[in-house]
Protein backbone atom coordinates (compact mmCIF):
# COMPACT_ATOMS: atom_id res chain seq x y z
CA MET A 1 33.03 -13.54 20.87
CA PRO A 2 32.11 -13.41 24.52
CA GLU A 3 29.01 -15.33 25.56
CA SER A 4 27.38 -12.03 26.58
CA GLU A 5 27.25 -11.08 22.88
CA ARG A 6 25.41 -14.27 21.85
CA PRO A 7 21.95 -12.56 21.71
CA THR A 8 23.33 -9.84 19.44
CA ILE A 9 24.85 -12.42 17.11
CA GLU A 10 21.54 -14.31 16.98
CA CYS A 11 19.53 -11.18 16.19
CA VAL A 12 21.98 -10.24 13.43
CA SER A 13 21.85 -13.74 11.95
CA THR A 14 18.06 -13.65 11.71
CA LEU A 15 18.29 -10.56 9.52
CA LEU A 16 20.93 -12.00 7.19
CA PRO A 17 19.41 -14.61 4.86
CA THR A 18 22.72 -16.41 4.35
CA SER A 19 22.54 -17.68 7.93
CA TRP A 20 18.91 -18.82 7.86
CA PRO A 21 18.01 -22.50 8.22
CA LEU A 22 16.67 -24.30 5.16
CA THR A 23 13.08 -24.11 6.39
CA VAL A 24 12.01 -20.88 8.05
CA SER A 25 8.87 -20.93 10.19
CA SER A 26 6.47 -18.00 10.25
CA GLU A 27 7.62 -17.09 13.79
CA TYR A 28 11.32 -17.37 12.98
CA GLY A 29 13.25 -14.32 14.16
CA GLU A 30 10.37 -12.40 15.75
CA ASN A 31 12.04 -12.22 19.18
CA GLU A 32 15.43 -11.47 17.65
CA LEU A 33 13.83 -8.70 15.58
CA ARG A 34 12.64 -7.07 18.81
CA LEU A 35 16.15 -7.31 20.25
CA ALA A 36 17.72 -5.92 17.07
CA ARG A 37 15.38 -2.97 16.97
CA SER A 38 16.15 -2.16 20.62
CA LYS A 39 19.92 -2.44 20.08
CA PHE A 40 19.74 -0.15 17.02
CA LEU A 41 17.07 2.16 18.52
CA PHE A 42 14.34 1.39 15.98
CA PRO A 43 10.69 1.58 17.00
CA TYR A 44 9.02 -1.83 16.93
CA THR A 45 5.90 -1.25 14.86
CA ASN A 46 3.52 -3.49 12.97
CA ASP A 47 5.03 -2.09 9.75
CA LEU A 48 8.48 -3.34 10.71
CA LYS A 49 7.09 -6.72 11.70
CA GLN A 50 5.16 -7.03 8.42
CA GLU A 51 8.18 -5.93 6.37
CA TYR A 52 10.27 -8.60 8.11
CA ARG A 53 7.63 -11.24 7.34
CA ASP A 54 7.57 -10.16 3.68
CA PHE A 55 11.38 -10.33 3.68
CA LYS A 56 11.21 -13.91 4.99
CA ASP A 57 8.52 -14.82 2.42
CA MET A 58 10.84 -13.61 -0.35
CA LYS A 59 13.58 -15.77 1.23
CA GLY A 60 15.71 -12.66 1.65
CA ALA A 61 16.02 -12.16 -2.09
CA GLU A 62 14.57 -8.66 -2.00
CA VAL A 63 14.37 -6.04 0.73
CA SER A 64 11.29 -4.06 -0.17
CA GLY A 65 10.34 -2.36 3.09
CA ARG A 66 11.93 0.93 4.05
CA LYS A 67 12.12 0.16 7.78
CA ILE A 68 13.61 -3.32 7.44
CA ARG A 69 16.08 -1.96 4.87
CA ARG A 70 17.23 0.69 7.39
CA LEU A 71 17.58 -1.92 10.13
CA ILE A 72 19.62 -4.23 7.89
CA GLY A 73 21.73 -1.24 6.85
CA ALA A 74 22.41 -0.49 10.52
CA ILE A 75 23.51 -4.08 11.05
CA HIS A 76 25.96 -3.80 8.17
CA THR A 77 27.69 -0.97 10.05
CA LEU A 78 28.82 -3.30 12.84
CA PRO A 79 32.61 -3.70 12.81
CA VAL A 80 33.78 -7.26 12.34
CA SER A 81 37.18 -6.64 13.87
CA THR A 82 39.18 -4.11 15.83
CA ALA A 83 41.34 -3.23 12.82
CA GLU A 84 39.84 0.25 12.42
CA CYS A 85 40.48 1.02 16.08
CA GLU A 86 44.06 -0.25 15.79
CA ARG A 87 44.63 1.94 12.72
CA GLY A 88 43.40 4.93 14.70
CA PHE A 89 45.85 4.25 17.53
CA SER A 90 48.69 3.85 15.02
CA LYS A 91 47.85 7.21 13.44
CA MET A 92 47.63 8.79 16.89
CA ASN A 93 51.13 7.51 17.73
CA LEU A 94 52.46 9.03 14.51
CA ILE A 95 50.87 12.40 15.24
CA CYS A 96 51.31 12.63 19.01
CA THR A 97 55.09 12.45 19.36
CA PRO A 98 57.14 13.69 22.35
CA LEU A 99 58.54 16.52 20.21
CA ARG A 100 55.09 17.79 19.20
CA SER A 101 53.88 17.55 22.78
CA CYS A 102 56.75 19.61 24.13
CA ILE A 103 56.43 22.42 21.56
CA GLY A 104 52.92 23.19 22.74
CA LEU A 105 50.66 21.53 20.20
CA ARG A 106 47.30 21.65 21.95
CA VAL A 107 44.83 18.79 22.26
CA GLU A 108 42.39 20.50 19.88
CA HIS A 109 45.04 20.69 17.16
CA MET A 110 46.14 17.09 17.70
CA SER A 111 42.53 16.01 17.55
CA SER A 112 42.04 17.87 14.28
CA LEU A 113 45.20 16.37 12.79
CA LEU A 114 44.07 12.89 13.81
CA PHE A 115 40.60 13.43 12.33
CA ILE A 116 42.05 14.64 9.02
CA SER A 117 44.53 11.77 8.98
CA ILE A 118 41.81 9.15 9.47
CA PHE A 119 38.91 10.60 7.47
CA GLY A 120 40.51 13.07 5.11
CA PRO A 121 41.51 12.48 1.51
CA PRO A 122 44.94 11.04 0.73
CA LEU A 123 47.68 13.65 0.60
CA ARG A 124 48.15 13.25 -3.17
CA GLU A 125 44.45 14.23 -3.69
CA TRP A 126 44.45 17.21 -1.34
CA ASN A 127 44.38 20.56 -3.04
CA PRO A 128 45.19 23.42 -0.63
CA LEU A 129 44.31 26.10 -3.18
CA PRO A 130 40.79 27.58 -3.18
């Protein structure tokens, strides 16, 4: 990862117990928690801070607070690779061919076909009947 992403990696690691040091101080991760909440647009409240402290006291075994659970859930949405993006470009190349472009398939239709191709059910599960 680029060095510019180092703060993001550190804030993520303070919210994942598997990357914690053996002994965790009471102040461990407080600054990173502030950074994480700003990156994921969470309000930094005393509730969030207390939930994080309870999470550390439980050694990450249980996530009891609603706010810290939402923040950790947001962190789990971070992509770990560009594979999903690459799959999208591959699907786009299958859909957007020179033949389809020349017969007048509009951008809106291509966009819809791409969306269905990426997020829709597999063809064998699709039932076109009402």
